[in-house]
């Protein structure tokens, strides 16, 4: 009738649990351009203090204080739009927006806690702000692609309706 004592986690158990939540090399395969099978499917992998995003052609690794973007070399518009969206998330007041990437990197550490975002809590971590910027960038690109296709699709639908 002895009651077993509560087991205290050992250092090994804690290390295993932390390692389980950390970024794994297999997670980076989703953004590896040399692995064409994994790169085609959009995905978001969330680990402790790391978010891996794959929205072709935009592939990102977001850590607690940085956004590492893997972009096609010839797509400057994508890089500019991502930078604009990140600045909008970090500096919602248009007069306080930095003008260069160096200014963004420098100002993140200085102003992160003092800035408030309309969509996110005042205390939203950088990871969520960066993820929001990535998602907005992807959404804007998809909207633009839909706007290009919409007139052609409408015309095709009219032709199909009149052909009945």
N, C-alpha and C. Protein backbone atom coordinates (compact mmCIF):
# COMPACT_ATOMS: atom_id res chain seq x y z
N UNK A 1 0.81 -1.20 0.00
CA UNK A 1 0.00 0.00 0.00
C UNK A 1 0.85 1.26 0.00
N UNK A 2 2.08 1.13 -0.41
CA UNK A 2 2.96 2.30 -0.45
C UNK A 2 2.60 3.15 -1.66
N UNK A 3 2.51 4.44 -1.44
CA UNK A 3 2.21 5.38 -2.51
C UNK A 3 3.52 5.75 -3.19
N UNK A 4 3.60 5.59 -4.53
CA UNK A 4 4.86 5.94 -5.20
C UNK A 4 5.12 7.43 -5.11
N UNK A 5 6.38 7.78 -4.97
CA UNK A 5 6.79 9.18 -4.91
C UNK A 5 6.74 9.80 -6.30
N UNK A 6 6.44 11.06 -6.31
CA UNK A 6 6.43 11.78 -7.59
C UNK A 6 7.83 11.81 -8.16
N UNK A 7 7.92 11.51 -9.43
CA UNK A 7 9.22 11.46 -10.09
C UNK A 7 9.62 12.87 -10.52
N UNK A 8 10.81 13.29 -10.14
CA UNK A 8 11.34 14.57 -10.58
C UNK A 8 12.07 14.35 -11.88
N UNK A 9 11.83 15.21 -12.87
CA UNK A 9 12.53 15.01 -14.14
C UNK A 9 14.03 15.21 -13.98
N UNK A 10 14.75 14.33 -14.59
CA UNK A 10 16.21 14.44 -14.53
C UNK A 10 16.67 15.48 -15.55
N UNK A 11 17.93 15.83 -15.47
CA UNK A 11 18.51 16.77 -16.43
C UNK A 11 18.42 16.20 -17.84
N UNK A 12 18.58 14.89 -17.98
CA UNK A 12 18.50 14.25 -19.29
C UNK A 12 17.10 14.40 -19.86
N UNK A 13 16.07 14.18 -19.00
CA UNK A 13 14.69 14.33 -19.46
C UNK A 13 14.42 15.76 -19.91
N UNK A 14 14.88 16.74 -19.16
CA UNK A 14 14.69 18.14 -19.52
C UNK A 14 15.40 18.47 -20.83
N UNK A 15 16.62 17.94 -20.99
CA UNK A 15 17.38 18.18 -22.22
C UNK A 15 16.66 17.56 -23.41
N UNK A 16 16.12 16.36 -23.24
CA UNK A 16 15.40 15.71 -24.33
C UNK A 16 14.16 16.51 -24.70
N UNK A 17 13.44 17.02 -23.71
CA UNK A 17 12.24 17.80 -23.97
C UNK A 17 12.59 19.09 -24.70
N UNK A 18 13.66 19.76 -24.28
CA UNK A 18 14.08 20.99 -24.96
C UNK A 18 14.53 20.69 -26.38
N UNK A 19 15.26 19.60 -26.57
CA UNK A 19 15.73 19.24 -27.90
C UNK A 19 14.56 18.90 -28.82
N UNK A 20 13.50 18.34 -28.25
CA UNK A 20 12.32 18.01 -29.04
C UNK A 20 11.65 19.27 -29.59
N UNK A 21 11.66 20.35 -28.84
CA UNK A 21 11.02 21.60 -29.25
C UNK A 21 11.93 22.50 -30.08
N UNK A 22 13.20 22.17 -30.18
CA UNK A 22 14.15 23.02 -30.89
C UNK A 22 14.07 22.78 -32.40
N UNK A 23 14.75 23.62 -33.14
CA UNK A 23 14.80 23.49 -34.59
C UNK A 23 15.64 22.28 -34.97
N UNK A 24 15.11 21.45 -35.84
CA UNK A 24 15.80 20.26 -36.30
C UNK A 24 16.26 20.46 -37.74
N UNK A 25 17.33 19.81 -38.13
CA UNK A 25 17.77 19.91 -39.53
C UNK A 25 16.67 19.49 -40.51
N UNK A 26 15.84 18.54 -40.12
CA UNK A 26 14.77 18.11 -41.02
C UNK A 26 13.76 19.24 -41.27
N UNK A 27 13.63 20.17 -40.30
CA UNK A 27 12.73 21.31 -40.48
C UNK A 27 13.24 22.24 -41.57
N UNK A 28 14.55 22.35 -41.67
CA UNK A 28 15.14 23.24 -42.67
C UNK A 28 15.03 22.68 -44.08
N UNK A 29 14.74 21.39 -44.22
CA UNK A 29 14.54 20.82 -45.55
C UNK A 29 13.38 21.48 -46.28
N UNK A 30 12.41 21.97 -45.50
CA UNK A 30 11.25 22.62 -46.12
C UNK A 30 11.63 23.88 -46.88
N UNK A 31 12.73 24.52 -46.52
CA UNK A 31 13.16 25.74 -47.20
C UNK A 31 14.44 25.55 -48.00
N UNK A 32 14.87 24.31 -48.14
CA UNK A 32 16.09 24.01 -48.87
C UNK A 32 15.80 23.95 -50.37
N UNK A 33 16.36 24.87 -51.12
CA UNK A 33 16.12 24.93 -52.56
C UNK A 33 16.68 23.73 -53.30
N UNK A 34 17.63 23.02 -52.71
CA UNK A 34 18.19 21.83 -53.36
C UNK A 34 17.27 20.62 -53.20
N UNK A 35 16.23 20.73 -52.39
CA UNK A 35 15.26 19.66 -52.20
C UNK A 35 13.95 20.09 -52.86
N UNK A 36 13.82 19.85 -54.17
CA UNK A 36 12.67 20.40 -54.90
C UNK A 36 11.32 19.83 -54.47
N UNK A 37 11.29 18.62 -53.91
CA UNK A 37 10.01 18.02 -53.50
C UNK A 37 9.43 18.75 -52.30
N UNK A 38 10.26 19.05 -51.32
CA UNK A 38 9.78 19.71 -50.11
C UNK A 38 9.49 21.18 -50.35
N UNK A 39 10.22 21.78 -51.26
CA UNK A 39 10.09 23.23 -51.49
C UNK A 39 8.79 23.61 -52.19
N UNK A 40 8.14 22.69 -52.85
CA UNK A 40 6.95 23.02 -53.63
C UNK A 40 5.72 23.25 -52.76
N UNK A 41 5.62 22.57 -51.63
CA UNK A 41 4.43 22.64 -50.81
C UNK A 41 4.56 23.71 -49.73
N UNK A 42 3.58 24.60 -49.65
CA UNK A 42 3.62 25.62 -48.59
C UNK A 42 3.54 24.95 -47.22
N UNK A 43 4.29 25.51 -46.27
CA UNK A 43 4.27 24.95 -44.92
C UNK A 43 4.75 25.98 -43.91
N UNK A 44 4.33 25.75 -42.67
CA UNK A 44 4.81 26.53 -41.53
C UNK A 44 5.15 25.53 -40.44
N UNK A 45 6.39 25.56 -39.98
CA UNK A 45 6.83 24.69 -38.89
C UNK A 45 7.16 25.59 -37.71
N UNK A 46 6.53 25.30 -36.58
CA UNK A 46 6.74 26.11 -35.38
C UNK A 46 7.48 25.28 -34.35
N UNK A 47 8.58 25.82 -33.90
CA UNK A 47 9.37 25.21 -32.83
C UNK A 47 9.59 26.29 -31.78
N UNK A 48 10.23 25.90 -30.70
CA UNK A 48 10.48 26.86 -29.64
C UNK A 48 11.40 27.97 -30.14
N UNK A 49 10.89 29.19 -30.20
CA UNK A 49 11.61 30.39 -30.62
C UNK A 49 12.03 30.37 -32.08
N UNK A 50 11.45 29.49 -32.90
CA UNK A 50 11.79 29.43 -34.32
C UNK A 50 10.54 29.09 -35.12
N UNK A 51 10.35 29.81 -36.22
CA UNK A 51 9.27 29.51 -37.15
C UNK A 51 9.89 29.39 -38.54
N UNK A 52 9.63 28.28 -39.21
CA UNK A 52 10.14 28.04 -40.56
C UNK A 52 8.95 28.13 -41.51
N UNK A 53 9.01 29.06 -42.46
CA UNK A 53 7.92 29.30 -43.40
C UNK A 53 8.37 28.98 -44.81
N UNK A 54 7.53 28.26 -45.53
CA UNK A 54 7.81 27.96 -46.93
C UNK A 54 6.57 28.30 -47.74
N UNK A 55 6.61 29.46 -48.39
CA UNK A 55 5.55 29.89 -49.29
C UNK A 55 6.23 30.25 -50.61
N UNK A 56 6.51 29.25 -51.45
CA UNK A 56 7.30 29.51 -52.64
C UNK A 56 6.80 30.72 -53.41
N UNK A 57 7.67 31.59 -53.82
CA UNK A 57 9.13 31.57 -53.75
C UNK A 57 9.71 32.14 -52.46
N UNK A 58 8.84 32.53 -51.52
CA UNK A 58 9.31 33.12 -50.27
C UNK A 58 9.53 32.02 -49.24
N UNK A 59 10.77 31.91 -48.77
CA UNK A 59 11.11 30.92 -47.74
C UNK A 59 11.83 31.67 -46.63
N UNK A 60 11.39 31.46 -45.38
CA UNK A 60 11.92 32.23 -44.26
C UNK A 60 12.15 31.36 -43.03
N UNK A 61 13.11 31.80 -42.24
CA UNK A 61 13.32 31.26 -40.90
C UNK A 61 13.24 32.46 -39.96
N UNK A 62 12.30 32.40 -39.04
CA UNK A 62 12.09 33.49 -38.08
C UNK A 62 12.58 33.01 -36.73
N UNK A 63 13.54 33.71 -36.17
CA UNK A 63 14.01 33.43 -34.81
C UNK A 63 13.58 34.59 -33.93
N UNK A 64 13.88 34.53 -32.68
CA UNK A 64 13.33 35.48 -31.71
C UNK A 64 13.62 36.94 -32.04
N UNK A 65 14.69 37.22 -32.78
CA UNK A 65 15.03 38.61 -33.07
C UNK A 65 15.40 38.87 -34.52
N UNK A 66 15.21 37.89 -35.40
CA UNK A 66 15.62 38.04 -36.80
C UNK A 66 14.66 37.32 -37.74
N UNK A 67 14.60 37.85 -38.95
CA UNK A 67 13.88 37.20 -40.03
C UNK A 67 14.91 36.91 -41.11
N UNK A 68 15.16 35.64 -41.35
CA UNK A 68 16.11 35.23 -42.38
C UNK A 68 15.30 34.81 -43.60
N UNK A 69 15.38 35.57 -44.66
CA UNK A 69 14.59 35.30 -45.85
C UNK A 69 15.47 34.72 -46.94
N UNK A 70 15.02 33.63 -47.53
CA UNK A 70 15.69 33.00 -48.65
C UNK A 70 14.87 33.33 -49.89
N UNK A 71 15.36 34.27 -50.67
CA UNK A 71 14.60 34.80 -51.79
C UNK A 71 15.30 34.49 -53.11
N UNK A 72 14.53 34.40 -54.20
CA UNK A 72 15.16 34.25 -55.51
C UNK A 72 16.02 35.48 -55.81
N UNK A 73 17.14 35.26 -56.42
CA UNK A 73 18.09 36.35 -56.68
C UNK A 73 17.51 37.43 -57.59
N UNK A 74 16.60 37.07 -58.47
CA UNK A 74 16.09 38.04 -59.45
C UNK A 74 14.77 38.68 -59.05
N UNK A 75 14.24 38.38 -57.88
CA UNK A 75 12.94 38.90 -57.47
C UNK A 75 13.11 40.02 -56.44
N UNK A 76 13.48 41.19 -56.92
CA UNK A 76 13.70 42.34 -56.05
C UNK A 76 12.38 42.89 -55.50
N UNK A 77 11.31 42.74 -56.28
CA UNK A 77 10.00 43.20 -55.82
C UNK A 77 9.56 42.46 -54.56
N UNK A 78 9.83 41.17 -54.51
CA UNK A 78 9.47 40.36 -53.34
C UNK A 78 10.26 40.82 -52.11
N UNK A 79 11.54 41.07 -52.31
CA UNK A 79 12.37 41.54 -51.20
C UNK A 79 11.90 42.90 -50.69
N UNK A 80 11.56 43.80 -51.63
CA UNK A 80 11.08 45.12 -51.24
C UNK A 80 9.75 45.04 -50.49
N UNK A 81 8.85 44.20 -50.99
CA UNK A 81 7.54 44.07 -50.35
C UNK A 81 7.67 43.46 -48.96
N UNK A 82 8.52 42.46 -48.81
CA UNK A 82 8.73 41.85 -47.49
C UNK A 82 9.31 42.88 -46.53
N UNK A 83 10.25 43.66 -47.00
CA UNK A 83 10.84 44.70 -46.15
C UNK A 83 9.80 45.74 -45.75
N UNK A 84 8.93 46.13 -46.70
CA UNK A 84 7.85 47.08 -46.40
C UNK A 84 6.88 46.52 -45.36
N UNK A 85 6.50 45.26 -45.53
CA UNK A 85 5.56 44.64 -44.60
C UNK A 85 6.17 44.49 -43.21
N UNK A 86 7.43 44.14 -43.15
CA UNK A 86 8.10 44.02 -41.85
C UNK A 86 8.18 45.38 -41.17
N UNK A 87 8.50 46.41 -41.94
CA UNK A 87 8.55 47.76 -41.37
C UNK A 87 7.16 48.18 -40.89
N UNK A 88 6.11 47.82 -41.63
CA UNK A 88 4.74 48.15 -41.20
C UNK A 88 4.40 47.46 -39.89
N UNK A 89 4.87 46.24 -39.71
CA UNK A 89 4.60 45.51 -38.47
C UNK A 89 5.39 46.06 -37.30
N UNK A 90 6.62 46.44 -37.54
CA UNK A 90 7.47 46.91 -36.45
C UNK A 90 7.25 48.38 -36.14
N UNK A 91 6.91 49.16 -37.17
CA UNK A 91 6.76 50.61 -37.03
C UNK A 91 5.45 51.04 -37.66
N UNK A 92 4.32 50.85 -36.98
CA UNK A 92 3.04 51.18 -37.59
C UNK A 92 2.86 52.67 -37.87
N UNK A 93 3.56 53.53 -37.14
CA UNK A 93 3.52 54.97 -37.39
C UNK A 93 4.41 55.24 -38.60
N UNK A 94 3.84 55.70 -39.71
CA UNK A 94 4.59 55.86 -40.95
C UNK A 94 5.75 56.82 -40.84
N UNK A 95 5.68 57.76 -39.92
CA UNK A 95 6.79 58.71 -39.79
C UNK A 95 8.00 58.08 -39.12
N UNK A 96 7.82 56.95 -38.45
CA UNK A 96 8.93 56.32 -37.73
C UNK A 96 9.56 55.18 -38.50
N UNK A 97 9.10 54.92 -39.74
CA UNK A 97 9.62 53.79 -40.50
C UNK A 97 11.06 54.04 -40.93
N UNK A 98 11.92 53.02 -40.78
CA UNK A 98 13.28 53.14 -41.30
C UNK A 98 13.27 53.03 -42.81
N UNK A 99 14.33 53.51 -43.43
CA UNK A 99 14.38 53.51 -44.88
C UNK A 99 15.25 52.41 -45.45
N UNK A 100 16.12 51.82 -44.68
CA UNK A 100 16.99 50.77 -45.22
C UNK A 100 16.95 49.54 -44.33
N UNK A 101 17.44 48.44 -44.88
CA UNK A 101 17.49 47.19 -44.13
C UNK A 101 18.37 47.34 -42.90
N UNK A 102 19.47 48.07 -43.02
CA UNK A 102 20.34 48.28 -41.85
C UNK A 102 19.60 49.01 -40.75
N UNK A 103 18.79 50.00 -41.14
CA UNK A 103 18.01 50.74 -40.15
C UNK A 103 16.99 49.82 -39.47
N UNK A 104 16.38 48.90 -40.24
CA UNK A 104 15.42 47.95 -39.66
C UNK A 104 16.13 47.09 -38.64
N UNK A 105 17.28 46.53 -39.02
CA UNK A 105 18.02 45.64 -38.10
C UNK A 105 18.45 46.38 -36.84
N UNK A 106 18.92 47.60 -36.98
CA UNK A 106 19.38 48.37 -35.83
C UNK A 106 18.22 48.77 -34.94
N UNK A 107 17.12 49.19 -35.56
CA UNK A 107 16.00 49.72 -34.79
C UNK A 107 15.16 48.65 -34.12
N UNK A 108 15.24 47.41 -34.58
CA UNK A 108 14.45 46.34 -33.98
C UNK A 108 14.79 46.24 -32.50
N UNK A 109 16.06 46.20 -32.21
CA UNK A 109 16.48 46.03 -30.82
C UNK A 109 16.13 47.25 -29.99
N UNK A 110 16.22 48.45 -30.57
CA UNK A 110 15.98 49.68 -29.82
C UNK A 110 14.49 49.93 -29.56
N UNK A 111 13.64 49.63 -30.55
CA UNK A 111 12.25 50.07 -30.47
C UNK A 111 11.23 48.96 -30.34
N UNK A 112 11.64 47.71 -30.30
CA UNK A 112 10.68 46.63 -30.35
C UNK A 112 9.66 46.70 -29.22
N UNK A 113 10.09 46.91 -28.00
CA UNK A 113 9.16 46.89 -26.88
C UNK A 113 8.32 48.16 -26.80
N UNK A 114 8.76 49.26 -27.39
CA UNK A 114 8.03 50.52 -27.27
C UNK A 114 6.97 50.68 -28.35
N UNK A 115 6.98 49.88 -29.41
CA UNK A 115 6.03 50.02 -30.50
C UNK A 115 4.77 49.19 -30.22
N UNK A 116 3.63 49.69 -30.64
CA UNK A 116 2.39 48.93 -30.51
C UNK A 116 1.84 48.69 -31.90
N UNK A 117 1.18 47.56 -32.09
CA UNK A 117 0.62 47.19 -33.37
C UNK A 117 -0.90 47.17 -33.29
N UNK A 118 -1.58 47.64 -34.31
CA UNK A 118 -3.03 47.63 -34.25
C UNK A 118 -3.61 46.22 -34.28
N UNK A 119 -3.01 45.29 -35.02
CA UNK A 119 -3.55 43.95 -35.17
C UNK A 119 -3.12 43.02 -34.03
N UNK A 120 -1.95 43.23 -33.48
CA UNK A 120 -1.39 42.35 -32.47
C UNK A 120 -1.38 43.05 -31.12
N UNK A 121 -1.23 42.26 -30.07
CA UNK A 121 -1.11 42.83 -28.73
C UNK A 121 0.09 43.74 -28.65
N UNK A 122 0.07 44.64 -27.66
CA UNK A 122 1.21 45.52 -27.44
C UNK A 122 2.47 44.74 -27.14
N UNK A 123 2.32 43.58 -26.55
CA UNK A 123 3.46 42.77 -26.15
C UNK A 123 3.76 41.64 -27.13
N UNK A 124 3.27 41.72 -28.35
CA UNK A 124 3.48 40.66 -29.33
C UNK A 124 4.97 40.49 -29.61
N UNK A 125 5.46 39.26 -29.56
CA UNK A 125 6.88 39.03 -29.81
C UNK A 125 7.24 39.26 -31.28
N UNK A 126 8.51 39.47 -31.50
CA UNK A 126 9.00 39.72 -32.85
C UNK A 126 8.63 38.58 -33.80
N UNK A 127 8.67 37.34 -33.31
CA UNK A 127 8.37 36.19 -34.17
C UNK A 127 6.99 36.32 -34.81
N UNK A 128 6.00 36.75 -34.02
CA UNK A 128 4.64 36.88 -34.55
C UNK A 128 4.53 38.06 -35.51
N UNK A 129 5.23 39.13 -35.22
CA UNK A 129 5.22 40.28 -36.11
C UNK A 129 5.86 39.92 -37.45
N UNK A 130 6.95 39.20 -37.40
CA UNK A 130 7.63 38.79 -38.63
C UNK A 130 6.77 37.80 -39.42
N UNK A 131 6.13 36.87 -38.72
CA UNK A 131 5.25 35.92 -39.40
C UNK A 131 4.10 36.66 -40.07
N UNK A 132 3.54 37.65 -39.40
CA UNK A 132 2.47 38.46 -40.00
C UNK A 132 2.97 39.16 -41.26
N UNK A 133 4.18 39.67 -41.23
CA UNK A 133 4.75 40.33 -42.42
C UNK A 133 4.92 39.33 -43.57
N UNK A 134 5.38 38.13 -43.27
CA UNK A 134 5.55 37.10 -44.29
C UNK A 134 4.19 36.73 -44.89
N UNK A 135 3.19 36.52 -44.03
CA UNK A 135 1.86 36.14 -44.51
C UNK A 135 1.22 37.25 -45.33
N UNK A 136 1.41 38.49 -44.92
CA UNK A 136 0.86 39.62 -45.69
C UNK A 136 1.54 39.72 -47.05
N UNK A 137 2.83 39.51 -47.08
CA UNK A 137 3.56 39.56 -48.35
C UNK A 137 3.03 38.49 -49.30
N UNK A 138 2.85 37.29 -48.80
CA UNK A 138 2.32 36.20 -49.63
C UNK A 138 0.90 36.49 -50.09
N UNK A 139 0.09 37.02 -49.21
CA UNK A 139 -1.30 37.34 -49.55
C UNK A 139 -1.37 38.41 -50.62
N UNK A 140 -0.54 39.44 -50.50
CA UNK A 140 -0.53 40.50 -51.52
C UNK A 140 -0.13 39.96 -52.88
N UNK A 141 0.85 39.06 -52.90
CA UNK A 141 1.27 38.46 -54.18
C UNK A 141 0.16 37.61 -54.78
N UNK A 142 -0.53 36.85 -53.93
CA UNK A 142 -1.64 36.03 -54.43
C UNK A 142 -2.79 36.90 -54.93
N UNK A 143 -3.07 37.99 -54.22
CA UNK A 143 -4.11 38.93 -54.69
C UNK A 143 -3.76 39.50 -56.06
N UNK A 144 -2.51 39.88 -56.23
CA UNK A 144 -2.07 40.44 -57.52
C UNK A 144 -2.19 39.39 -58.63
N UNK A 145 -1.84 38.15 -58.33
CA UNK A 145 -1.94 37.09 -59.33
C UNK A 145 -3.41 36.83 -59.69
N UNK A 146 -4.29 36.88 -58.70
CA UNK A 146 -5.73 36.69 -58.95
C UNK A 146 -6.29 37.83 -59.80
N UNK A 147 -5.85 39.05 -59.54
CA UNK A 147 -6.32 40.19 -60.32
C UNK A 147 -5.90 40.07 -61.78
N UNK A 148 -4.75 39.48 -62.04
CA UNK A 148 -4.30 39.28 -63.42
C UNK A 148 -5.15 38.24 -64.12
N UNK A 149 -5.53 37.20 -63.40
CA UNK A 149 -6.27 36.09 -63.99
C UNK A 149 -7.76 36.37 -64.08
N UNK A 150 -8.28 37.21 -63.20
CA UNK A 150 -9.72 37.45 -63.10
C UNK A 150 -10.37 37.89 -64.41
N UNK A 151 -9.84 38.88 -65.14
CA UNK A 151 -10.50 39.28 -66.39
C UNK A 151 -10.56 38.14 -67.42
N UNK A 152 -9.50 37.38 -67.51
CA UNK A 152 -9.48 36.26 -68.45
C UNK A 152 -10.50 35.20 -68.03
N UNK A 153 -10.58 34.92 -66.74
CA UNK A 153 -11.53 33.93 -66.24
C UNK A 153 -12.97 34.38 -66.47
N UNK A 154 -13.24 35.67 -66.24
CA UNK A 154 -14.59 36.19 -66.46
C UNK A 154 -14.98 36.09 -67.93
N UNK A 155 -14.06 36.43 -68.81
CA UNK A 155 -14.32 36.34 -70.24
C UNK A 155 -14.58 34.88 -70.65
N UNK A 156 -13.81 33.99 -70.13
CA UNK A 156 -13.99 32.56 -70.43
C UNK A 156 -15.34 32.08 -69.93
N UNK A 157 -15.75 32.52 -68.75
CA UNK A 157 -17.05 32.13 -68.20
C UNK A 157 -18.18 32.68 -69.08
N UNK A 158 -18.06 33.90 -69.54
CA UNK A 158 -19.09 34.48 -70.44
C UNK A 158 -19.18 33.68 -71.73
N UNK A 159 -18.04 33.29 -72.29
CA UNK A 159 -18.02 32.50 -73.52
C UNK A 159 -18.68 31.14 -73.30
N UNK A 160 -18.41 30.54 -72.16
CA UNK A 160 -19.01 29.24 -71.86
C UNK A 160 -20.54 29.36 -71.69
N UNK A 161 -20.99 30.44 -71.07
CA UNK A 161 -22.42 30.64 -70.86
C UNK A 161 -23.14 30.88 -72.19
N UNK A 162 -22.52 31.63 -73.09
CA UNK A 162 -23.15 31.90 -74.37
C UNK A 162 -23.09 30.69 -75.30
N UNK A 163 -22.17 29.78 -75.07
CA UNK A 163 -22.02 28.60 -75.90
C UNK A 163 -23.11 27.57 -75.61
N UNK A 164 -23.79 27.69 -74.49
CA UNK A 164 -24.84 26.71 -74.15
C UNK A 164 -25.93 26.81 -75.10
